[in-house]
Amino acid sequence: NTNTTPKKTGTITSTEYVPPKTTTTSEEPQETKKSKKATEPDEDPYDGDEDDDNGDAVGDIQCISAVYLHPQPTSSSENLLTIPSGATCKYYRNENGWYYVEYNGTKGYAWQSFFSTPPQ
């Protein structure tokens, strides 16, 4: 082969740095949205009750079979603790089949089929 012209092979043939092209503009920055005040405390999504503004428990509920307590209403969230069978918990609300309860000072979610009927 006597052809000595460079051929495009699709591979990098140089390691020379080529800086990106930059442009400038004289536009004034647009006004940004105001953010939440820094003095407002962050709200605890697990504190309180949707139906009861003061966050008090509706009543007590009995655990009929051992169940995990989760920080979110999903079994894929971490296990905070295990509520033993026969334990009494404070019942706050039902969120799509997940009971928001408190056991030994820890609040979280547990699946409804592991409890007796909640108070109204």
PDB file of N, CA and C in Angstrom:
ATOM      1  N   ASN A   1       0.851  -1.180   0.000  1.00  0.00           N
ATOM      2  CA  ASN A   1       0.000   0.000   0.000  1.00  0.00           C
ATOM      3  C   ASN A   1       0.894   1.239   0.000  1.00  0.00           C
ATOM      4  N   THR A   2       0.783   2.052  -1.010  1.00  0.00           N
ATOM      5  CA  THR A   2       1.639   3.224  -1.157  1.00  0.00           C
ATOM      6  C   THR A   2       0.912   4.517  -0.819  1.00  0.00           C
ATOM      7  N   ASN A   3      -0.364   4.465  -0.465  1.00  0.00           N
ATOM      8  CA  ASN A   3      -1.147   5.653  -0.135  1.00  0.00           C
ATOM      9  C   ASN A   3      -0.753   6.132   1.259  1.00  0.00           C
ATOM     10  N   THR A   4      -0.250   7.376   1.396  1.00  0.00           N
ATOM     11  CA  THR A   4       0.217   7.910   2.677  1.00  0.00           C
ATOM     12  C   THR A   4      -0.665   9.034   3.198  1.00  0.00           C
ATOM     13  N   THR A   5      -1.812   9.284   2.589  1.00  0.00           N
ATOM     14  CA  THR A   5      -2.702  10.337   3.072  1.00  0.00           C
ATOM     15  C   THR A   5      -3.404   9.853   4.343  1.00  0.00           C
ATOM     16  N   PRO A   6      -3.577  10.756   5.328  1.00  0.00           N
ATOM     17  CA  PRO A   6      -4.262  10.350   6.569  1.00  0.00           C
ATOM     18  C   PRO A   6      -5.707   9.958   6.291  1.00  0.00           C
ATOM     19  N   LYS A   7      -6.148   8.931   6.926  1.00  0.00           N
ATOM     20  CA  LYS A   7      -7.520   8.458   6.766  1.00  0.00           C
ATOM     21  C   LYS A   7      -8.275   8.677   8.065  1.00  0.00           C
ATOM     22  N   LYS A   8      -9.568   8.985   7.940  1.00  0.00           N
ATOM     23  CA  LYS A   8     -10.414   9.153   9.118  1.00  0.00           C
ATOM     24  C   LYS A   8     -10.819   7.773   9.603  1.00  0.00           C
ATOM     25  N   THR A   9     -10.417   7.476  10.831  1.00  0.00           N
ATOM     26  CA  THR A   9     -10.687   6.138  11.363  1.00  0.00           C
ATOM     27  C   THR A   9     -11.740   6.137  12.454  1.00  0.00           C
ATOM     28  N   GLY A  10     -12.120   7.318  12.953  1.00  0.00           N
ATOM     29  CA  GLY A  10     -13.100   7.375  14.020  1.00  0.00           C
ATOM     30  C   GLY A  10     -12.459   7.266  15.395  1.00  0.00           C
ATOM     31  N   THR A  11     -11.156   7.257  15.458  1.00  0.00           N
ATOM     32  CA  THR A  11     -10.459   7.210  16.736  1.00  0.00           C
ATOM     33  C   THR A  11      -9.752   8.529  16.963  1.00  0.00           C
ATOM     34  N   ILE A  12      -9.464   8.822  18.225  1.00  0.00           N
ATOM     35  CA  ILE A  12      -8.778  10.053  18.569  1.00  0.00           C
ATOM     36  C   ILE A  12      -7.316   9.915  18.177  1.00  0.00           C
ATOM     37  N   THR A  13      -6.845  10.896  17.399  1.00  0.00           N
ATOM     38  CA  THR A  13      -5.450  10.844  16.951  1.00  0.00           C
ATOM     39  C   THR A  13      -4.613  11.944  17.566  1.00  0.00           C
ATOM     40  N   SER A  14      -5.249  12.826  18.400  1.00  0.00           N
ATOM     41  CA  SER A  14      -4.504  13.918  19.010  1.00  0.00           C
ATOM     42  C   SER A  14      -4.947  14.078  20.452  1.00  0.00           C
ATOM     43  N   THR A  15      -4.030  14.467  21.306  1.00  0.00           N
ATOM     44  CA  THR A  15      -4.363  14.721  22.702  1.00  0.00           C
ATOM     45  C   THR A  15      -4.271  16.199  23.018  1.00  0.00           C
ATOM     46  N   GLU A  16      -4.234  17.043  21.981  1.00  0.00           N
ATOM     47  CA  GLU A  16      -4.156  18.487  22.178  1.00  0.00           C
ATOM     48  C   GLU A  16      -5.449  18.989  22.799  1.00  0.00           C
ATOM     49  N   TYR A  17      -5.343  19.819  23.874  1.00  0.00           N
ATOM     50  CA  TYR A  17      -6.520  20.376  24.546  1.00  0.00           C
ATOM     51  C   TYR A  17      -7.125  21.478  23.700  1.00  0.00           C
ATOM     52  N   VAL A  18      -8.432  21.400  23.472  1.00  0.00           N
ATOM     53  CA  VAL A  18      -9.156  22.429  22.746  1.00  0.00           C
ATOM     54  C   VAL A  18     -10.189  22.988  23.709  1.00  0.00           C
ATOM     55  N   PRO A  19     -10.009  24.215  24.199  1.00  0.00           N
ATOM     56  CA  PRO A  19     -10.959  24.771  25.167  1.00  0.00           C
ATOM     57  C   PRO A  19     -12.311  25.040  24.517  1.00  0.00           C
ATOM     58  N   PRO A  20     -13.381  24.972  25.318  1.00  0.00           N
ATOM     59  CA  PRO A  20     -14.707  25.246  24.762  1.00  0.00           C
ATOM     60  C   PRO A  20     -14.847  26.721  24.417  1.00  0.00           C
ATOM     61  N   LYS A  21     -15.677  27.000  23.444  1.00  0.00           N
ATOM     62  CA  LYS A  21     -15.905  28.385  23.053  1.00  0.00           C
ATOM     63  C   LYS A  21     -16.854  29.009  24.059  1.00  0.00           C
ATOM     64  N   THR A  22     -16.541  30.210  24.497  1.00  0.00           N
ATOM     65  CA  THR A  22     -17.403  30.915  25.439  1.00  0.00           C
ATOM     66  C   THR A  22     -17.899  32.191  24.809  1.00  0.00           C
ATOM     67  N   THR A  23     -19.095  32.573  25.184  1.00  0.00           N
ATOM     68  CA  THR A  23     -19.670  33.821  24.695  1.00  0.00           C
ATOM     69  C   THR A  23     -20.174  34.599  25.893  1.00  0.00           C
ATOM     70  N   THR A  24     -20.275  35.883  25.738  1.00  0.00           N
ATOM     71  CA  THR A  24     -20.798  36.736  26.796  1.00  0.00           C
ATOM     72  C   THR A  24     -22.062  37.398  26.304  1.00  0.00           C
ATOM     73  N   THR A  25     -22.882  37.805  27.260  1.00  0.00           N
ATOM     74  CA  THR A  25     -24.135  38.463  26.919  1.00  0.00           C
ATOM     75  C   THR A  25     -24.311  39.668  27.820  1.00  0.00           C
ATOM     76  N   SER A  26     -25.099  40.604  27.373  1.00  0.00           N
ATOM     77  CA  SER A  26     -25.324  41.807  28.166  1.00  0.00           C
ATOM     78  C   SER A  26     -26.734  41.831  28.745  1.00  0.00           C
ATOM     79  N   GLU A  27     -27.416  40.705  28.703  1.00  0.00           N
ATOM     80  CA  GLU A  27     -28.781  40.645  29.254  1.00  0.00           C
ATOM     81  C   GLU A  27     -28.745  40.781  30.764  1.00  0.00           C
ATOM     82  N   GLU A  28     -29.770  41.433  31.304  1.00  0.00           N
ATOM     83  CA  GLU A  28     -29.913  41.543  32.747  1.00  0.00           C
ATOM     84  C   GLU A  28     -30.483  40.226  33.270  1.00  0.00           C
ATOM     85  N   PRO A  29     -30.020  39.751  34.423  1.00  0.00           N
ATOM     86  CA  PRO A  29     -30.584  38.510  34.969  1.00  0.00           C
ATOM     87  C   PRO A  29     -32.048  38.696  35.339  1.00  0.00           C
ATOM     88  N   GLN A  30     -32.827  37.660  35.081  1.00  0.00           N
ATOM     89  CA  GLN A  30     -34.241  37.711  35.425  1.00  0.00           C
ATOM     90  C   GLN A  30     -34.406  37.550  36.921  1.00  0.00           C
ATOM     91  N   GLU A  31     -35.508  38.093  37.432  1.00  0.00           N
ATOM     92  CA  GLU A  31     -35.775  37.991  38.867  1.00  0.00           C
ATOM     93  C   GLU A  31     -36.047  36.533  39.219  1.00  0.00           C
ATOM     94  N   THR A  32     -35.435  36.075  40.275  1.00  0.00           N
ATOM     95  CA  THR A  32     -35.611  34.687  40.684  1.00  0.00           C
ATOM     96  C   THR A  32     -36.760  34.569  41.672  1.00  0.00           C
ATOM     97  N   LYS A  33     -37.268  33.363  41.802  1.00  0.00           N
ATOM     98  CA  LYS A  33     -38.352  33.117  42.751  1.00  0.00           C
ATOM     99  C   LYS A  33     -37.816  33.218  44.163  1.00  0.00           C
ATOM    100  N   LYS A  34     -38.654  33.711  45.044  1.00  0.00           N
ATOM    101  CA  LYS A  34     -38.244  33.816  46.444  1.00  0.00           C
ATOM    102  C   LYS A  34     -38.332  32.442  47.085  1.00  0.00           C
ATOM    103  N   SER A  35     -37.354  32.141  47.896  1.00  0.00           N
ATOM    104  CA  SER A  35     -37.344  30.842  48.566  1.00  0.00           C
ATOM    105  C   SER A  35     -38.002  30.965  49.932  1.00  0.00           C
ATOM    106  N   LYS A  36     -38.197  29.827  50.547  1.00  0.00           N
ATOM    107  CA  LYS A  36     -38.806  29.745  51.866  1.00  0.00           C
ATOM    108  C   LYS A  36     -37.941  30.493  52.873  1.00  0.00           C
ATOM    109  N   LYS A  37     -38.560  31.220  53.776  1.00  0.00           N
ATOM    110  CA  LYS A  37     -37.816  31.952  54.785  1.00  0.00           C
ATOM    111  C   LYS A  37     -36.978  30.998  55.619  1.00  0.00           C
ATOM    112  N   ALA A  38     -35.789  31.426  55.936  1.00  0.00           N
ATOM    113  CA  ALA A  38     -34.886  30.589  56.729  1.00  0.00           C
ATOM    114  C   ALA A  38     -35.358  30.458  58.165  1.00  0.00           C
ATOM    115  N   THR A  39     -36.218  31.376  58.622  1.00  0.00           N
ATOM    116  CA  THR A  39     -36.660  31.334  60.009  1.00  0.00           C
ATOM    117  C   THR A  39     -37.815  30.365  60.223  1.00  0.00           C
ATOM    118  N   GLU A  40     -38.420  29.885  59.137  1.00  0.00           N
ATOM    119  CA  GLU A  40     -39.524  28.940  59.285  1.00  0.00           C
ATOM    120  C   GLU A  40     -38.973  27.559  59.614  1.00  0.00           C
ATOM    121  N   PRO A  41     -39.489  26.922  60.663  1.00  0.00           N
ATOM    122  CA  PRO A  41     -38.990  25.583  60.994  1.00  0.00           C
ATOM    123  C   PRO A  41     -39.472  24.570  59.975  1.00  0.00           C
ATOM    124  N   ASP A  42     -38.648  23.565  59.719  1.00  0.00           N
ATOM    125  CA  ASP A  42     -39.053  22.496  58.819  1.00  0.00           C
ATOM    126  C   ASP A  42     -40.145  21.685  59.486  1.00  0.00           C
ATOM    127  N   GLU A  43     -41.176  21.353  58.727  1.00  0.00           N
ATOM    128  CA  GLU A  43     -42.274  20.579  59.286  1.00  0.00           C
ATOM    129  C   GLU A  43     -41.942  19.103  59.239  1.00  0.00           C
ATOM    130  N   ASP A  44     -42.294  18.401  60.290  1.00  0.00           N
ATOM    131  CA  ASP A  44     -42.087  16.966  60.362  1.00  0.00           C
ATOM    132  C   ASP A  44     -43.245  16.294  59.633  1.00  0.00           C
ATOM    133  N   PRO A  45     -42.995  15.580  58.521  1.00  0.00           N
ATOM    134  CA  PRO A  45     -44.098  14.963  57.778  1.00  0.00           C
ATOM    135  C   PRO A  45     -44.773  13.846  58.564  1.00  0.00           C
ATOM    136  N   TYR A  46     -44.155  13.389  59.643  1.00  0.00           N
ATOM    137  CA  TYR A  46     -44.728  12.304  60.435  1.00  0.00           C
ATOM    138  C   TYR A  46     -45.400  12.809  61.698  1.00  0.00           C
ATOM    139  N   ASP A  47     -45.395  14.129  61.902  1.00  0.00           N
ATOM    140  CA  ASP A  47     -45.969  14.691  63.108  1.00  0.00           C
ATOM    141  C   ASP A  47     -47.376  15.187  62.811  1.00  0.00           C
ATOM    142  N   GLY A  48     -48.275  14.916  63.695  1.00  0.00           N
ATOM    143  CA  GLY A  48     -49.635  15.422  63.557  1.00  0.00           C
ATOM    144  C   GLY A  48     -50.537  14.465  62.824  1.00  0.00           C
ATOM    145  N   ASP A  49     -51.763  14.916  62.595  1.00  0.00           N
ATOM    146  CA  ASP A  49     -52.795  14.085  61.998  1.00  0.00           C
ATOM    147  C   ASP A  49     -53.550  14.923  60.985  1.00  0.00           C
ATOM    148  N   GLU A  50     -53.821  14.378  59.820  1.00  0.00           N
ATOM    149  CA  GLU A  50     -54.536  15.125  58.793  1.00  0.00           C
ATOM    150  C   GLU A  50     -55.924  15.545  59.263  1.00  0.00           C
ATOM    151  N   ASP A  51     -56.607  14.689  60.010  1.00  0.00           N
ATOM    152  CA  ASP A  51     -57.968  14.963  60.456  1.00  0.00           C
ATOM    153  C   ASP A  51     -58.007  15.645  61.812  1.00  0.00           C
ATOM    154  N   ASP A  52     -56.914  15.660  62.533  1.00  0.00           N
ATOM    155  CA  ASP A  52     -56.880  16.166  63.888  1.00  0.00           C
ATOM    156  C   ASP A  52     -55.717  17.143  64.001  1.00  0.00           C
ATOM    157  N   ASP A  53     -56.009  18.443  64.038  1.00  0.00           N
ATOM    158  CA  ASP A  53     -54.980  19.464  63.971  1.00  0.00           C
ATOM    159  C   ASP A  53     -53.992  19.444  65.128  1.00  0.00           C
ATOM    160  N   ASN A  54     -54.380  18.970  66.302  1.00  0.00           N
ATOM    161  CA  ASN A  54     -53.463  19.007  67.437  1.00  0.00           C
ATOM    162  C   ASN A  54     -52.529  17.807  67.484  1.00  0.00           C
ATOM    163  N   GLY A  55     -52.639  16.824  66.567  1.00  0.00           N
ATOM    164  CA  GLY A  55     -51.704  15.717  66.483  1.00  0.00           C
ATOM    165  C   GLY A  55     -51.903  14.648  67.533  1.00  0.00           C
ATOM    166  N   ASP A  56     -53.012  14.676  68.256  1.00  0.00           N
ATOM    167  CA  ASP A  56     -53.255  13.660  69.272  1.00  0.00           C
ATOM    168  C   ASP A  56     -53.705  12.354  68.640  1.00  0.00           C
ATOM    169  N   ALA A  57     -53.384  11.266  69.324  1.00  0.00           N
ATOM    170  CA  ALA A  57     -53.800   9.952  68.853  1.00  0.00           C
ATOM    171  C   ALA A  57     -55.323   9.841  68.949  1.00  0.00           C
ATOM    172  N   VAL A  58     -55.898   9.103  68.008  1.00  0.00           N
ATOM    173  CA  VAL A  58     -57.334   8.876  68.006  1.00  0.00           C
ATOM    174  C   VAL A  58     -57.700   7.915  69.131  1.00  0.00           C
ATOM    175  N   GLY A  59     -56.826   6.951  69.389  1.00  0.00           N
ATOM    176  CA  GLY A  59     -57.067   5.963  70.442  1.00  0.00           C
ATOM    177  C   GLY A  59     -56.016   4.876  70.392  1.00  0.00           C
ATOM    178  N   ASP A  60     -56.238   3.844  71.196  1.00  0.00           N
ATOM    179  CA  ASP A  60     -55.306   2.718  71.237  1.00  0.00           C
ATOM    180  C   ASP A  60     -55.769   1.620  70.293  1.00  0.00           C
ATOM    181  N   ILE A  61     -54.799   0.857  69.809  1.00  0.00           N
ATOM    182  CA  ILE A  61     -55.067  -0.231  68.882  1.00  0.00           C
ATOM    183  C   ILE A  61     -54.176  -1.408  69.279  1.00  0.00           C
ATOM    184  N   GLN A  62     -54.678  -2.615  69.091  1.00  0.00           N
ATOM    185  CA  GLN A  62     -53.967  -3.830  69.494  1.00  0.00           C
ATOM    186  C   GLN A  62     -53.283  -4.479  68.287  1.00  0.00           C
ATOM    187  N   CYS A  63     -52.015  -4.832  68.447  1.00  0.00           N
ATOM    188  CA  CYS A  63     -51.272  -5.548  67.407  1.00  0.00           C
ATOM    189  C   CYS A  63     -51.598  -7.032  67.550  1.00  0.00           C
ATOM    190  N   ILE A  64     -52.137  -7.661  66.502  1.00  0.00           N
ATOM    191  CA  ILE A  64     -52.549  -9.063  66.597  1.00  0.00           C
ATOM    192  C   ILE A  64     -51.484 -10.026  66.078  1.00  0.00           C
ATOM    193  N   SER A  65     -50.448  -9.489  65.417  1.00  0.00           N
ATOM    194  CA  SER A  65     -49.338 -10.297  64.932  1.00  0.00           C
ATOM    195  C   SER A  65     -48.138  -9.374  64.785  1.00  0.00           C
ATOM    196  N   ALA A  66     -46.942  -9.857  65.070  1.00  0.00           N
ATOM    197  CA  ALA A  66     -45.740  -9.018  64.993  1.00  0.00           C
ATOM    198  C   ALA A  66     -45.632  -8.355  63.624  1.00  0.00           C
ATOM    199  N   VAL A  67     -45.228  -7.088  63.623  1.00  0.00           N
ATOM    200  CA  VAL A  67     -45.162  -6.312  62.381  1.00  0.00           C
ATOM    201  C   VAL A  67     -44.037  -5.292  62.482  1.00  0.00           C
ATOM    202  N   TYR A  68     -43.413  -4.988  61.335  1.00  0.00           N
ATOM    203  CA  TYR A  68     -42.377  -3.962  61.282  1.00  0.00           C
ATOM    204  C   TYR A  68     -43.010  -2.575  61.275  1.00  0.00           C
ATOM    205  N   LEU A  69     -42.334  -1.624  61.917  1.00  0.00           N
ATOM    206  CA  LEU A  69     -42.725  -0.222  61.881  1.00  0.00           C
ATOM    207  C   LEU A  69     -41.771   0.480  60.914  1.00  0.00           C
ATOM    208  N   HIS A  70     -42.335   1.200  59.939  1.00  0.00           N
ATOM    209  CA  HIS A  70     -41.561   1.853  58.876  1.00  0.00           C
ATOM    210  C   HIS A  70     -41.689   3.371  58.977  1.00  0.00           C
ATOM    211  N   PRO A  71     -40.675   4.141  58.523  1.00  0.00           N
ATOM    212  CA  PRO A  71     -40.777   5.599  58.542  1.00  0.00           C
ATOM    213  C   PRO A  71     -41.697   6.154  57.451  1.00  0.00           C
ATOM    214  N   GLN A  72     -41.922   5.409  56.378  1.00  0.00           N
ATOM    215  CA  GLN A  72     -42.828   5.799  55.306  1.00  0.00           C
ATOM    216  C   GLN A  72     -43.834   4.680  55.059  1.00  0.00           C
ATOM    217  N   PRO A  73     -44.962   5.017  54.451  1.00  0.00           N
ATOM    218  CA  PRO A  73     -45.979   3.991  54.202  1.00  0.00           C
ATOM    219  C   PRO A  73     -45.630   3.087  53.025  1.00  0.00           C
ATOM    220  N   THR A  74     -44.510   2.383  53.136  1.00  0.00           N
ATOM    221  CA  THR A  74     -44.105   1.421  52.128  1.00  0.00           C
ATOM    222  C   THR A  74     -43.193   0.389  52.771  1.00  0.00           C
ATOM    223  N   SER A  75     -43.327  -0.852  52.363  1.00  0.00           N
ATOM    224  CA  SER A  75     -42.501  -1.910  52.943  1.00  0.00           C
ATOM    225  C   SER A  75     -41.059  -1.838  52.466  1.00  0.00           C
ATOM    226  N   SER A  76     -40.791  -1.030  51.440  1.00  0.00           N
ATOM    227  CA  SER A  76     -39.415  -0.904  50.965  1.00  0.00           C
ATOM    228  C   SER A  76     -38.606   0.104  51.787  1.00  0.00           C
ATOM    229  N   SER A  77     -39.265   0.843  52.696  1.00  0.00           N
ATOM    230  CA  SER A  77     -38.516   1.747  53.570  1.00  0.00           C
ATOM    231  C   SER A  77     -37.914   0.936  54.714  1.00  0.00           C
ATOM    232  N   GLU A  78     -36.957   1.533  55.426  1.00  0.00           N
ATOM    233  CA  GLU A  78     -36.255   0.804  56.480  1.00  0.00           C
ATOM    234  C   GLU A  78     -37.202   0.334  57.589  1.00  0.00           C
ATOM    235  N   ASN A  79     -36.763  -0.649  58.362  1.00  0.00           N
ATOM    236  CA  ASN A  79     -37.523  -1.129  59.515  1.00  0.00           C
ATOM    237  C   ASN A  79     -37.034  -0.387  60.745  1.00  0.00           C
ATOM    238  N   LEU A  80     -37.903   0.409  61.359  1.00  0.00           N
ATOM    239  CA  LEU A  80     -37.519   1.140  62.559  1.00  0.00           C
ATOM    240  C   LEU A  80     -37.436   0.208  63.759  1.00  0.00           C
ATOM    241  N   LEU A  81     -38.420  -0.677  63.867  1.00  0.00           N
ATOM    242  CA  LEU A  81     -38.478  -1.646  64.953  1.00  0.00           C
ATOM    243  C   LEU A  81     -39.565  -2.656  64.640  1.00  0.00           C
ATOM    244  N   THR A  82     -39.666  -3.696  65.478  1.00  0.00           N
ATOM    245  CA  THR A  82     -40.728  -4.685  65.329  1.00  0.00           C
ATOM    246  C   THR A  82     -41.711  -4.515  66.471  1.00  0.00           C
ATOM    247  N   ILE A  83     -42.979  -4.359  66.125  1.00  0.00           N
ATOM    248  CA  ILE A  83     -44.018  -4.287  67.144  1.00  0.00           C
ATOM    249  C   ILE A  83     -44.432  -5.727  67.433  1.00  0.00           C
ATOM    250  N   PRO A  84     -44.298  -6.195  68.687  1.00  0.00           N
ATOM    251  CA  PRO A  84     -44.629  -7.588  68.986  1.00  0.00           C
ATOM    252  C   PRO A  84     -46.130  -7.843  69.024  1.00  0.00           C
ATOM    253  N   SER A  85     -46.497  -9.075  68.829  1.00  0.00           N
ATOM    254  CA  SER A  85     -47.895  -9.484  68.910  1.00  0.00           C
ATOM    255  C   SER A  85     -48.426  -9.198  70.311  1.00  0.00           C
ATOM    256  N   GLY A  86     -49.626  -8.651  70.394  1.00  0.00           N
ATOM    257  CA  GLY A  86     -50.252  -8.341  71.680  1.00  0.00           C
ATOM    258  C   GLY A  86     -49.936  -6.953  72.198  1.00  0.00           C
ATOM    259  N   ALA A  87     -49.038  -6.224  71.547  1.00  0.00           N
ATOM    260  CA  ALA A  87     -48.664  -4.880  72.002  1.00  0.00           C
ATOM    261  C   ALA A  87     -49.789  -3.894  71.726  1.00  0.00           C
ATOM    262  N   THR A  88     -49.878  -2.872  72.561  1.00  0.00           N
ATOM    263  CA  THR A  88     -50.844  -1.807  72.374  1.00  0.00           C
ATOM    264  C   THR A  88     -50.116  -0.593  71.808  1.00  0.00           C
ATOM    265  N   CYS A  89     -50.683  -0.004  70.755  1.00  0.00           N
ATOM    266  CA  CYS A  89     -50.090   1.159  70.095  1.00  0.00           C
ATOM    267  C   CYS A  89     -51.090   2.299  70.094  1.00  0.00           C
ATOM    268  N   LYS A  90     -50.590   3.518  69.978  1.00  0.00           N
ATOM    269  CA  LYS A  90     -51.460   4.677  69.776  1.00  0.00           C
ATOM    270  C   LYS A  90     -51.727   4.780  68.279  1.00  0.00           C
ATOM    271  N   TYR A  91     -52.994   4.863  67.924  1.00  0.00           N
ATOM    272  CA  TYR A  91     -53.402   4.934  66.517  1.00  0.00           C
ATOM    273  C   TYR A  91     -53.698   6.390  66.163  1.00  0.00           C
ATOM    274  N   TYR A  92     -53.133   6.856  65.019  1.00  0.00           N
ATOM    275  CA  TYR A  92     -53.359   8.223  64.564  1.00  0.00           C
ATOM    276  C   TYR A  92     -54.248   8.284  63.331  1.00  0.00           C
ATOM    277  N   ARG A  93     -53.890   7.507  62.286  1.00  0.00           N
ATOM    278  CA  ARG A  93     -54.677   7.582  61.044  1.00  0.00           C
ATOM    279  C   ARG A  93     -54.350   6.391  60.136  1.00  0.00           C
ATOM    280  N   ASN A  94     -55.164   6.239  59.088  1.00  0.00           N
ATOM    281  CA  ASN A  94     -54.995   5.209  58.072  1.00  0.00           C
ATOM    282  C   ASN A  94     -54.663   5.915  56.762  1.00  0.00           C
ATOM    283  N   GLU A  95     -53.522   5.587  56.179  1.00  0.00           N
ATOM    284  CA  GLU A  95     -53.137   6.148  54.879  1.00  0.00           C
ATOM    285  C   GLU A  95     -53.043   5.019  53.864  1.00  0.00           C
ATOM    286  N   ASN A  96     -54.130   4.792  53.148  1.00  0.00           N
ATOM    287  CA  ASN A  96     -54.190   3.763  52.104  1.00  0.00           C
ATOM    288  C   ASN A  96     -53.778   2.388  52.613  1.00  0.00           C
ATOM    289  N   GLY A  97     -54.281   2.010  53.761  1.00  0.00           N
ATOM    290  CA  GLY A  97     -53.992   0.693  54.317  1.00  0.00           C
ATOM    291  C   GLY A  97     -52.817   0.656  55.267  1.00  0.00           C
ATOM    292  N   TRP A  98     -52.072   1.742  55.361  1.00  0.00           N
ATOM    293  CA  TRP A  98     -50.956   1.847  56.300  1.00  0.00           C
ATOM    294  C   TRP A  98     -51.426   2.638  57.510  1.00  0.00           C
ATOM    295  N   TYR A  99     -51.346   2.024  58.689  1.00  0.00           N
ATOM    296  CA  TYR A  99     -51.714   2.717  59.918  1.00  0.00           C
ATOM    297  C   TYR A  99     -50.517   3.504  60.421  1.00  0.00           C
ATOM    298  N   TYR A 100     -50.747   4.777  60.721  1.00  0.00           N
ATOM    299  CA  TYR A 100     -49.715   5.603  61.347  1.00  0.00           C
ATOM    300  C   TYR A 100     -49.919   5.444  62.844  1.00  0.00           C
ATOM    301  N   VAL A 101     -48.944   4.826  63.511  1.00  0.00           N
ATOM    302  CA  VAL A 101     -49.076   4.478  64.925  1.00  0.00           C
ATOM    303  C   VAL A 101     -47.827   4.910  65.694  1.00  0.00           C
ATOM    304  N   GLU A 102     -47.943   4.839  67.018  1.00  0.00           N
ATOM    305  CA  GLU A 102     -46.801   5.092  67.894  1.00  0.00           C
ATOM    306  C   GLU A 102     -46.661   3.918  68.836  1.00  0.00           C
ATOM    307  N   TYR A 103     -45.439   3.384  68.911  1.00  0.00           N
ATOM    308  CA  TYR A 103     -45.152   2.273  69.814  1.00  0.00           C
ATOM    309  C   TYR A 103     -43.867   2.592  70.571  1.00  0.00           C
ATOM    310  N   ASN A 104     -43.936   2.585  71.893  1.00  0.00           N
ATOM    311  CA  ASN A 104     -42.779   2.895  72.752  1.00  0.00           C
ATOM    312  C   ASN A 104     -42.082   4.195  72.356  1.00  0.00           C
ATOM    313  N   GLY A 105     -42.872   5.234  72.021  1.00  0.00           N
ATOM    314  CA  GLY A 105     -42.315   6.545  71.688  1.00  0.00           C
ATOM    315  C   GLY A 105     -41.865   6.708  70.250  1.00  0.00           C
ATOM    316  N   THR A 106     -41.924   5.658  69.434  1.00  0.00           N
ATOM    317  CA  THR A 106     -41.513   5.734  68.034  1.00  0.00           C
ATOM    318  C   THR A 106     -42.747   5.733  67.145  1.00  0.00           C
ATOM    319  N   LYS A 107     -42.848   6.754  66.293  1.00  0.00           N
ATOM    320  CA  LYS A 107     -43.982   6.853  65.370  1.00  0.00           C
ATOM    321  C   LYS A 107     -43.561   6.338  64.001  1.00  0.00           C
ATOM    322  N   GLY A 108     -44.508   5.699  63.308  1.00  0.00           N
ATOM    323  CA  GLY A 108     -44.238   5.208  61.968  1.00  0.00           C
ATOM    324  C   GLY A 108     -45.452   4.512  61.394  1.00  0.00           C
ATOM    325  N   TYR A 109     -45.230   3.815  60.286  1.00  0.00           N
ATOM    326  CA  TYR A 109     -46.313   3.153  59.559  1.00  0.00           C
ATOM    327  C   TYR A 109     -46.185   1.638  59.648  1.00  0.00           C
ATOM    328  N   ALA A 110     -47.330   0.973  59.806  1.00  0.00           N
ATOM    329  CA  ALA A 110     -47.388  -0.484  59.813  1.00  0.00           C
ATOM    330  C   ALA A 110     -48.641  -0.902  59.053  1.00  0.00           C
ATOM    331  N   TRP A 111     -48.585  -2.046  58.393  1.00  0.00           N
ATOM    332  CA  TRP A 111     -49.691  -2.494  57.551  1.00  0.00           C
ATOM    333  C   TRP A 111     -50.896  -2.863  58.411  1.00  0.00           C
ATOM    334  N   GLN A 112     -52.094  -2.480  57.963  1.00  0.00           N
ATOM    335  CA  GLN A 112     -53.330  -2.574  58.731  1.00  0.00           C
ATOM    336  C   GLN A 112     -53.754  -3.980  59.130  1.00  0.00           C
ATOM    337  N   SER A 113     -53.411  -4.993  58.331  1.00  0.00           N
ATOM    338  CA  SER A 113     -53.897  -6.350  58.626  1.00  0.00           C
ATOM    339  C   SER A 113     -53.263  -6.943  59.882  1.00  0.00           C
ATOM    340  N   PHE A 114     -52.257  -6.281  60.457  1.00  0.00           N
ATOM    341  CA  PHE A 114     -51.613  -6.773  61.659  1.00  0.00           C
ATOM    342  C   PHE A 114     -52.209  -6.172  62.930  1.00  0.00           C
ATOM    343  N   PHE A 115     -53.324  -5.448  62.806  1.00  0.00           N
ATOM    344  CA  PHE A 115     -53.925  -4.755  63.945  1.00  0.00           C
ATOM    345  C   PHE A 115     -55.415  -5.061  64.064  1.00  0.00           C
ATOM    346  N   SER A 116     -55.931  -4.828  65.272  1.00  0.00           N
ATOM    347  CA  SER A 116     -57.356  -4.904  65.472  1.00  0.00           C
ATOM    348  C   SER A 116     -58.001  -3.683  64.796  1.00  0.00           C
ATOM    349  N   THR A 117     -59.300  -3.640  64.744  1.00  0.00           N
ATOM    350  CA  THR A 117     -60.023  -2.530  64.112  1.00  0.00           C
ATOM    351  C   THR A 117     -59.723  -1.245  64.866  1.00  0.00           C
ATOM    352  N   PRO A 118     -59.344  -0.187  64.143  1.00  0.00           N
ATOM    353  CA  PRO A 118     -58.997   1.077  64.826  1.00  0.00           C
ATOM    354  C   PRO A 118     -60.216   1.782  65.379  1.00  0.00           C
ATOM    355  N   PRO A 119     -60.008   2.638  66.383  1.00  0.00           N
ATOM    356  CA  PRO A 119     -61.114   3.417  66.913  1.00  0.00           C
ATOM    357  C   PRO A 119     -61.577   4.461  65.885  1.00  0.00           C
ATOM    358  N   GLN A 120     -62.810   4.860  65.979  1.00  0.00           N
ATOM    359  CA  GLN A 120     -63.356   5.854  65.037  1.00  0.00           C
ATOM    360  C   GLN A 120     -63.176   7.227  65.532  1.00  0.00           C
TER     361      GLN A 120
END
